[in-house]
Amino acid sequence: MENGNFKKGDYHRSFLAFLYWFGTRRMGALDRKREDFHVENGVLFVKVEPLKRGEPSSPLEIDVDMPYVDLVQKQVMKTPRGDRVWQFSEATAWRIVKRIDEKKYPHFFRLNRCTRMLDDPEATIPEIKAWFRWKTTKTIDSYIGLSRRHVRAGRERLRKELETD
């Protein structure tokens, strides 16, 4: 974030911060308007409508003191009512992500957010479904294999097996 070559500085960084923390689809971010956001008691709430036949849900939320969330909040406040918070094309969104790492792409942040949730043994399937607006657990299946938690657990089981033999 700090070392990326961003043509529009914090404007572009705020978009990246939004993708990173919320893990929305690229259009899920680009379609957000100022009125989709509000802050209450140190929490930033954002209404994100589901794409691809997802399930409507409560607004997503994040504490405003999390890193770079202030950039999102500032960008929202600069945006006139009725306007989109990030007024650039899908191609520009793609280029912004490429400026931090040529190997990354906008959907990487969605993949990353889901994988991190799956790596947390306390995360529940209903929490993950609600966050991503997924109707069924079937969608989660494609992400489960990317989580290292289950592989590490398998390795630990092998160690225990050796110790009990």
Protein backbone atom coordinates (compact mmCIF):
# COMPACT_ATOMS: atom_id res chain seq x y z
CA MET A 1 0.00 0.00 0.00
CA GLU A 2 2.71 2.44 0.92
CA ASN A 3 5.08 1.61 -1.92
CA GLY A 4 2.60 1.20 -4.76
CA ASN A 5 2.74 3.66 -7.63
CA PHE A 6 -0.81 5.03 -7.39
CA LYS A 7 -1.69 7.76 -9.84
CA LYS A 8 -4.43 9.09 -7.56
CA GLY A 9 -2.89 8.31 -4.17
CA ASP A 10 -5.35 7.76 -1.33
CA TYR A 11 -8.30 7.60 -3.75
CA HIS A 12 -6.88 4.39 -5.21
CA ARG A 13 -5.57 3.16 -1.85
CA SER A 14 -9.05 3.48 -0.36
CA PHE A 15 -10.39 1.17 -3.07
CA LEU A 16 -7.69 -1.40 -2.28
CA ALA A 17 -8.41 -1.15 1.44
CA PHE A 18 -12.09 -1.77 0.75
CA LEU A 19 -11.33 -4.84 -1.39
CA TYR A 20 -8.87 -6.18 1.19
CA TRP A 21 -11.07 -5.85 4.26
CA PHE A 22 -14.46 -6.64 2.77
CA GLY A 23 -13.52 -9.18 0.10
CA THR A 24 -16.26 -8.04 -2.26
CA ARG A 25 -16.27 -8.57 -5.96
CA ARG A 26 -14.76 -5.72 -7.98
CA MET A 27 -18.22 -4.51 -9.05
CA GLY A 28 -19.46 -4.92 -5.49
CA ALA A 29 -16.96 -2.22 -4.57
CA LEU A 30 -17.37 -0.03 -7.65
CA ASP A 31 -21.16 0.06 -7.30
CA ARG A 32 -21.03 1.40 -3.73
CA LYS A 33 -22.59 4.83 -3.27
CA ARG A 34 -22.10 7.20 -0.38
CA GLU A 35 -25.44 6.28 1.17
CA ASP A 36 -24.34 2.62 1.37
CA PHE A 37 -21.99 3.64 4.21
CA HIS A 38 -22.49 4.93 7.71
CA VAL A 39 -20.41 5.11 10.89
CA GLU A 40 -21.80 4.42 14.32
CA ASN A 41 -19.89 3.98 17.60
CA GLY A 42 -16.54 3.51 15.87
CA VAL A 43 -17.86 0.97 13.36
CA LEU A 44 -18.09 1.49 9.59
CA PHE A 45 -21.16 -0.22 8.15
CA VAL A 46 -21.57 -0.83 4.43
CA LYS A 47 -24.52 -2.26 2.51
CA VAL A 48 -23.20 -4.58 -0.16
CA GLU A 49 -25.83 -6.03 -2.43
CA PRO A 50 -25.15 -9.62 -3.45
CA LEU A 51 -24.05 -10.31 -6.99
CA LYS A 52 -24.54 -13.57 -8.86
CA ARG A 53 -27.82 -14.51 -7.15
CA GLY A 54 -26.39 -14.16 -3.63
CA GLU A 55 -28.40 -13.87 -0.45
CA PRO A 56 -29.36 -10.41 0.88
CA SER A 57 -27.95 -9.83 4.34
CA SER A 58 -27.19 -7.24 7.00
CA PRO A 59 -24.57 -4.59 6.24
CA LEU A 60 -20.95 -5.63 6.58
CA GLU A 61 -19.03 -3.89 9.32
CA ILE A 62 -15.49 -3.09 10.37
CA ASP A 63 -13.96 -1.10 13.21
CA VAL A 64 -12.78 2.28 11.95
CA ASP A 65 -9.44 1.94 13.74
CA MET A 66 -8.36 -0.97 11.52
CA PRO A 67 -5.46 -0.14 9.17
CA TYR A 68 -6.45 1.89 6.10
CA VAL A 69 -10.15 1.96 6.99
CA ASP A 70 -9.68 5.68 7.54
CA LEU A 71 -8.92 5.98 3.82
CA VAL A 72 -12.25 4.36 2.98
CA GLN A 73 -14.06 6.57 5.46
CA LYS A 74 -12.42 9.74 4.09
CA GLN A 75 -13.28 8.77 0.52
CA VAL A 76 -16.89 8.16 1.48
CA MET A 77 -17.09 11.59 3.15
CA LYS A 78 -15.65 13.29 0.02
CA THR A 79 -18.28 11.65 -2.18
CA PRO A 80 -21.46 13.63 -2.91
CA ARG A 81 -24.77 11.93 -2.05
CA GLY A 82 -26.03 9.78 -4.89
CA ASP A 83 -22.54 9.31 -6.39
CA ARG A 84 -20.44 6.19 -6.46
CA VAL A 85 -17.53 6.29 -4.01
CA TRP A 86 -15.07 5.01 -6.62
CA GLN A 87 -15.85 6.46 -10.02
CA PHE A 88 -13.58 4.58 -12.32
CA SER A 89 -13.90 1.67 -14.73
CA GLU A 90 -13.41 -2.03 -14.09
CA ALA A 91 -10.20 -1.83 -16.13
CA THR A 92 -8.84 0.92 -13.88
CA ALA A 93 -9.77 -1.16 -10.83
CA TRP A 94 -7.72 -4.00 -12.30
CA ARG A 95 -4.73 -1.71 -12.93
CA ILE A 96 -4.87 -0.34 -9.37
CA VAL A 97 -4.51 -3.87 -8.00
CA LYS A 98 -1.66 -4.62 -10.42
CA ARG A 99 0.25 -1.63 -9.03
CA ILE A 100 0.71 -3.40 -5.71
CA ASP A 101 1.67 -6.76 -7.24
CA GLU A 102 1.63 -7.91 -10.87
CA LYS A 103 0.50 -11.36 -9.71
CA LYS A 104 -2.60 -10.04 -7.93
CA TYR A 105 -6.05 -9.44 -9.43
CA PRO A 106 -9.19 -7.93 -7.87
CA HIS A 107 -10.83 -11.27 -7.03
CA PHE A 108 -7.65 -12.23 -5.13
CA PHE A 109 -8.90 -10.13 -2.21
CA ARG A 110 -12.15 -12.10 -2.09
CA LEU A 111 -10.21 -15.35 -2.19
CA ASN A 112 -7.86 -14.04 0.50
CA ARG A 113 -10.67 -12.89 2.80
CA CYS A 114 -12.49 -16.23 2.56
CA THR A 115 -9.32 -18.25 3.04
CA ARG A 116 -8.37 -16.21 6.11
CA MET A 117 -11.82 -16.78 7.56
CA LEU A 118 -11.51 -20.52 6.90
CA ASP A 119 -8.08 -20.50 8.58
CA ASP A 120 -9.72 -19.24 11.76
CA PRO A 121 -10.97 -22.28 13.71
CA GLU A 122 -13.56 -20.09 15.43
CA ALA A 123 -15.15 -18.92 12.17
CA THR A 124 -18.47 -20.61 11.50
CA ILE A 125 -20.06 -21.57 8.21
CA PRO A 126 -23.07 -19.26 8.86
CA GLU A 127 -20.66 -16.34 9.46
CA ILE A 128 -18.83 -17.00 6.20
CA LYS A 129 -22.07 -17.43 4.24
CA ALA A 130 -23.44 -14.17 5.66
CA TRP A 131 -20.26 -12.21 4.95
CA PHE A 132 -20.07 -13.25 1.31
CA ARG A 133 -23.86 -13.40 0.78
CA TRP A 134 -23.71 -17.04 -0.31
CA LYS A 135 -26.97 -19.01 -0.38
CA THR A 136 -25.44 -22.45 0.08
CA THR A 137 -22.40 -24.00 1.69
CA LYS A 138 -21.52 -25.49 -1.69
CA THR A 139 -19.84 -22.21 -2.66
CA ILE A 140 -17.49 -22.50 0.32
CA ASP A 141 -16.26 -25.90 -0.91
CA SER A 142 -14.13 -24.34 -3.64
CA TYR A 143 -12.29 -22.25 -1.01
CA ILE A 144 -11.78 -24.92 1.65
CA GLY A 145 -8.88 -26.59 -0.13
CA LEU A 146 -7.02 -23.26 -0.15
CA SER A 147 -7.06 -22.96 3.63
CA ARG A 148 -3.85 -24.24 5.24
CA ARG A 149 -5.60 -24.90 8.58
CA HIS A 150 -6.89 -28.30 7.53
CA VAL A 151 -3.55 -29.37 6.06
CA ARG A 152 -1.75 -28.36 9.27
CA ALA A 153 -4.33 -30.28 11.30
CA GLY A 154 -3.63 -33.34 9.18
CA ARG A 155 0.10 -33.02 9.81
CA GLU A 156 -0.54 -32.74 13.55
CA ARG A 157 -2.69 -35.88 13.43
CA LEU A 158 0.18 -37.75 11.77
CA ARG A 159 2.52 -36.62 14.57
CA LYS A 160 0.05 -37.82 17.23
CA GLU A 161 -0.30 -41.14 15.42
CA LEU A 162 3.46 -41.61 15.55
CA GLU A 163 3.56 -40.75 19.25
CA THR A 164 0.84 -43.24 20.16
CA ASP A 165 2.30 -46.18 18.23
